[in-house]
């Protein structure tokens, strides 16, 4: 549900592939070019060879994906959860950077990874999964922070004096260094 931009190098805007199914892209998922149709979530059609970067916006018809926003709360009432509605374009981060995200395959896959290990995109979900200790041909990121709660900046008592940021994977975030 979320992407926290710690540092980014390049932020592009690309036209969306409005023909893609499923059409929803959560901020923090990896996206790829679908030939001349535009950008869509990484899936079996685009494969992982066309990955261009990580989505910086959400295109959804059912829920917000902003960091810390509960599903069902609208971040932009007029656009009904779709941050791409006005321009039909999606912000895509590439060229490096550091990000915290809750968009990864949960369970033993990421839990087996250690800081410094490499991550690839899980085809079909557009989320990250463990790739191994050496950089593979499909590697898109390097793990720099293991799964854990992420501070929201709102005073509270969950972590480091702040309330924890809400999100997918039981509110657990990983920190990555983008390699594409």
Protein backbone atom coordinates (compact mmCIF):
# COMPACT_ATOMS: atom_id res chain seq x y z
CA UNK A 1 0.00 0.00 0.00
CA UNK A 2 2.85 2.38 0.32
CA UNK A 3 6.10 3.75 -0.90
CA UNK A 4 8.22 6.10 1.16
CA UNK A 5 10.60 8.05 -1.04
CA UNK A 6 13.74 8.43 1.06
CA UNK A 7 15.88 9.53 -1.89
CA UNK A 8 15.25 9.31 -5.62
CA UNK A 9 17.36 10.04 -8.67
CA UNK A 10 14.94 10.10 -11.60
CA UNK A 11 11.18 10.58 -11.55
CA UNK A 12 9.56 10.18 -14.96
CA UNK A 13 5.94 10.27 -16.04
CA UNK A 14 4.74 7.63 -18.47
CA UNK A 15 1.37 7.11 -20.13
CA UNK A 16 -0.67 4.30 -18.58
CA UNK A 17 -1.66 1.14 -20.40
CA UNK A 18 -5.42 1.42 -20.01
CA UNK A 19 -5.91 -2.02 -21.60
CA UNK A 20 -4.10 -3.88 -18.81
CA UNK A 21 -5.84 -6.39 -16.52
CA UNK A 22 -5.72 -6.11 -13.59
CA UNK A 23 -5.65 -2.35 -13.99
CA UNK A 24 -4.79 -1.49 -10.37
CA UNK A 25 -1.26 -0.36 -9.57
CA UNK A 26 -0.35 0.39 -5.96
CA UNK A 27 2.29 2.94 -5.16
CA UNK A 28 5.44 0.86 -4.56
CA UNK A 29 4.74 -1.87 -7.14
CA UNK A 30 7.13 -2.37 -10.02
CA UNK A 31 5.95 -1.41 -13.48
CA UNK A 32 7.01 -2.26 -17.02
CA UNK A 33 6.44 -1.13 -20.57
CA UNK A 34 3.76 -3.05 -22.44
CA UNK A 35 5.00 -2.48 -25.97
CA UNK A 36 3.36 0.68 -27.35
CA UNK A 37 0.41 0.55 -24.93
CA UNK A 38 2.23 2.27 -22.06
CA UNK A 39 3.09 1.40 -18.46
CA UNK A 40 1.44 -1.40 -16.49
CA UNK A 41 2.12 -3.49 -13.41
CA UNK A 42 4.70 -6.24 -13.95
CA UNK A 43 2.80 -9.39 -14.86
CA UNK A 44 3.03 -12.42 -17.12
CA UNK A 45 2.37 -10.24 -20.19
CA UNK A 46 5.14 -7.69 -19.65
CA UNK A 47 7.49 -10.08 -17.87
CA UNK A 48 10.43 -8.89 -15.89
CA UNK A 49 12.63 -8.00 -18.85
CA UNK A 50 10.79 -4.72 -19.44
CA UNK A 51 10.80 -3.41 -15.85
CA UNK A 52 11.31 0.34 -15.95
CA UNK A 53 10.97 1.29 -12.28
CA UNK A 54 8.83 1.58 -9.19
CA UNK A 55 5.39 3.25 -9.23
CA UNK A 56 5.18 6.56 -7.40
CA UNK A 57 1.41 6.93 -7.81
CA UNK A 58 -1.63 4.73 -7.30
CA UNK A 59 -4.15 3.78 -9.96
CA UNK A 60 -7.02 2.07 -8.19
CA UNK A 61 -10.78 1.97 -8.25
CA UNK A 62 -11.22 0.65 -4.71
CA UNK A 63 -8.67 1.95 -2.19
CA UNK A 64 -5.98 4.49 -1.49
CA UNK A 65 -2.40 3.26 -1.33
CA UNK A 66 -0.83 6.30 0.27
CA UNK A 67 1.48 5.51 3.19
CA UNK A 68 -0.46 5.28 6.42
CA UNK A 69 -3.89 5.67 4.83
CA UNK A 70 -6.41 3.00 5.73
CA UNK A 71 -8.06 1.24 2.76
CA UNK A 72 -11.31 2.96 1.93
CA UNK A 73 -10.15 6.44 2.87
CA UNK A 74 -9.89 8.62 -0.15
CA UNK A 75 -6.78 10.67 -0.68
CA UNK A 76 -8.39 12.61 -3.52
CA UNK A 77 -12.16 12.57 -3.34
CA UNK A 78 -12.71 13.89 -6.85
CA UNK A 79 -10.53 11.18 -8.38
CA UNK A 80 -11.93 8.19 -6.43
CA UNK A 81 -8.49 6.80 -5.39
CA UNK A 82 -6.96 7.28 -8.86
CA UNK A 83 -3.96 9.61 -8.68
CA UNK A 84 -3.48 9.21 -12.44
CA UNK A 85 -6.99 10.24 -13.47
CA UNK A 86 -6.26 13.82 -14.52
CA UNK A 87 -3.17 13.11 -16.64
CA UNK A 88 -3.45 9.37 -17.50
CA UNK A 89 0.24 9.23 -16.55
CA UNK A 90 2.07 7.43 -13.77
CA UNK A 91 5.12 8.69 -11.88
CA UNK A 92 7.88 6.08 -12.15
CA UNK A 93 11.10 6.22 -10.14
CA UNK A 94 14.21 4.78 -11.77
CA UNK A 95 17.92 5.38 -12.00
CA UNK A 96 18.57 4.55 -8.35
CA UNK A 97 17.42 5.83 -5.01
CA UNK A 98 16.38 4.58 -1.58
CA UNK A 99 12.81 3.64 -0.74
CA UNK A 100 10.83 2.00 2.04
CA UNK A 101 8.00 -0.19 0.78
CA UNK A 102 5.49 -2.73 1.99
CA UNK A 103 5.11 -4.16 -1.51
CA UNK A 104 6.99 -7.44 -1.19
CA UNK A 105 6.18 -11.14 -1.10
CA UNK A 106 5.71 -11.93 2.59
CA UNK A 107 6.79 -15.08 4.36
CA UNK A 108 10.00 -17.06 4.11
CA UNK A 109 11.03 -15.45 0.84
CA UNK A 110 11.97 -12.01 2.18
CA UNK A 111 12.61 -13.40 5.66
CA UNK A 112 15.43 -15.47 4.13
CA UNK A 113 17.08 -12.33 2.80
CA UNK A 114 19.71 -10.38 4.71
CA UNK A 115 20.75 -6.76 4.37
CA UNK A 116 22.84 -6.56 1.22
CA UNK A 117 21.00 -9.37 -0.59
CA UNK A 118 19.34 -8.80 -3.94
CA UNK A 119 15.63 -8.63 -4.77
CA UNK A 120 13.74 -9.27 -7.99
CA UNK A 121 10.17 -8.60 -9.09
CA UNK A 122 7.65 -11.37 -8.48
CA UNK A 123 5.92 -11.84 -11.83
CA UNK A 124 2.17 -11.42 -11.57
CA UNK A 125 2.20 -9.24 -8.48
CA UNK A 126 4.68 -6.48 -9.29
CA UNK A 127 6.08 -6.85 -5.76
CA UNK A 128 9.59 -7.74 -4.59
CA UNK A 129 10.96 -11.15 -3.68
CA UNK A 130 14.35 -12.55 -2.63
CA UNK A 131 16.74 -13.08 -5.55
CA UNK A 132 19.86 -14.34 -3.78
CA UNK A 133 23.22 -13.19 -2.56
CA UNK A 134 24.64 -12.38 -5.98
CA UNK A 135 23.14 -10.03 -8.51
CA UNK A 136 21.06 -11.92 -11.07
CA UNK A 137 19.85 -10.87 -14.48
CA UNK A 138 16.41 -9.97 -13.06
CA UNK A 139 17.64 -8.08 -10.00
CA UNK A 140 15.95 -4.70 -9.49
CA UNK A 141 16.85 -3.78 -5.89
CA UNK A 142 19.15 -4.45 -2.97
CA UNK A 143 17.84 -4.91 0.56
CA UNK A 144 19.21 -2.24 2.91
CA UNK A 145 16.69 -2.63 5.74
CA UNK A 146 15.00 -5.83 6.92
CA UNK A 147 11.19 -6.00 7.40
CA UNK A 148 10.03 -3.90 10.32
CA UNK A 149 7.69 -1.13 11.37
CA UNK A 150 8.31 2.29 9.87
CA UNK A 151 7.75 5.54 11.81
CA UNK A 152 4.98 7.77 10.48
CA UNK A 153 6.21 11.04 11.94
CA UNK A 154 3.02 11.33 13.99
CA UNK A 155 3.70 11.46 17.73
CA UNK A 156 2.76 8.22 19.47
CA UNK A 157 4.30 5.23 21.16
CA UNK A 158 4.72 2.48 18.53
CA UNK A 159 8.31 3.10 17.34
CA UNK A 160 10.96 5.73 18.01
CA UNK A 161 8.38 7.98 19.64
CA UNK A 162 6.15 7.87 16.54
CA UNK A 163 3.11 5.86 15.58
CA UNK A 164 3.91 3.10 13.09
CA UNK A 165 3.03 3.65 9.44
CA UNK A 166 0.16 1.41 8.33
CA UNK A 167 0.31 -0.78 5.23
CA UNK A 168 0.37 -4.24 3.69
CA UNK A 169 2.35 -7.18 5.12
CA UNK A 170 1.16 -6.50 8.68
CA UNK A 171 2.53 -2.94 8.54
CA UNK A 172 6.06 -4.22 7.86
CA UNK A 173 8.30 -2.25 5.50
CA UNK A 174 11.60 -3.11 3.87
CA UNK A 175 14.14 -0.50 2.82
CA UNK A 176 15.68 -0.95 -0.61
CA UNK A 177 18.28 0.57 -2.87
CA UNK A 178 16.84 0.74 -6.39
CA UNK A 179 19.21 -0.69 -9.00
CA UNK A 180 17.30 0.09 -12.19
